[in-house]
Amino acid sequence: MYSLNYLIEREDDEIRRIASIARSYMVNDSSGHDWHHVLRVFNLCVKIGSKLNADLKALKISALLHDIGLTYEFKLNIDHAVRSAELAKEVLQRLNYPSEFIDKVYNIILNHRYGVERSVDLIEAKILQDADRLDAIGAIGIARAFAYGGSRGALIYNPEEKVESYDPFKVKSTITHFYEKLLKIRDRLNTYEARIIAEGRHRFMEEFLNRFLKEWVGEL
């Protein structure tokens, strides 16, 4: 009932071909960076990009390919944004896209990662970054946070753990992850359109954490 595959089915042959390739890189992911994450980011990119007169073709293709290098991060500790951008370039070169377009997609994907600051000049890069961050907060963000934590062997919560600056390569308990990253996302978005969406999602996370911490000590 809630499948997002219709988002790709209504696209043209070009986007469906890229989607098929992207999906082949994301089989059996259990970290919250699965194919449905990609589709949600794709949908948010189209919604925001349509309002900001973005290059939707480059934005759609970038959204579809933005996480195809994730397994390299888990296995080899390689920044997945860098690896995804490199793999996207290889994919588009095989499909004979113009070099200028390939470079644009490369830079859009390269800049999407939270916690690794790079120059973001392209509006499409700002939109993909926002869309990817929006999918990390709210109800979906809560579910993904615990899925990701479990995939990395993280504890649910460690009350003795110190909240520090977010380090994407350091495993912390999932509740600490909320305070180091997820609760900061709302105020680090690029576009007005994304910030509007983020408000409700941010409040939901605050409500969840308040309830969680009360249940943790047996108050509820």
Foldseek 3Di string as FASTA:
>chain_A
DPDLCVVLVPDDPVLVVLLVVLQVLAPPDQLLPHSVLLSQLLVQLCVVCVVVVAPNVLLNSLSSQLQSQVVCCVPPVDDRLQVSLVVQLVVVVVVPDDPVSSVVSSVLSNCQDPPDHDDDDGPSSLSSNLSSLLCCFAPNVVVSLVSNLVVVVEAQDDPVDDQDADDPSDRYHSVSVCVNPNLCSLVVHDDPVSNVSVPVRNVRVVVVVVVVVCVVVPVD
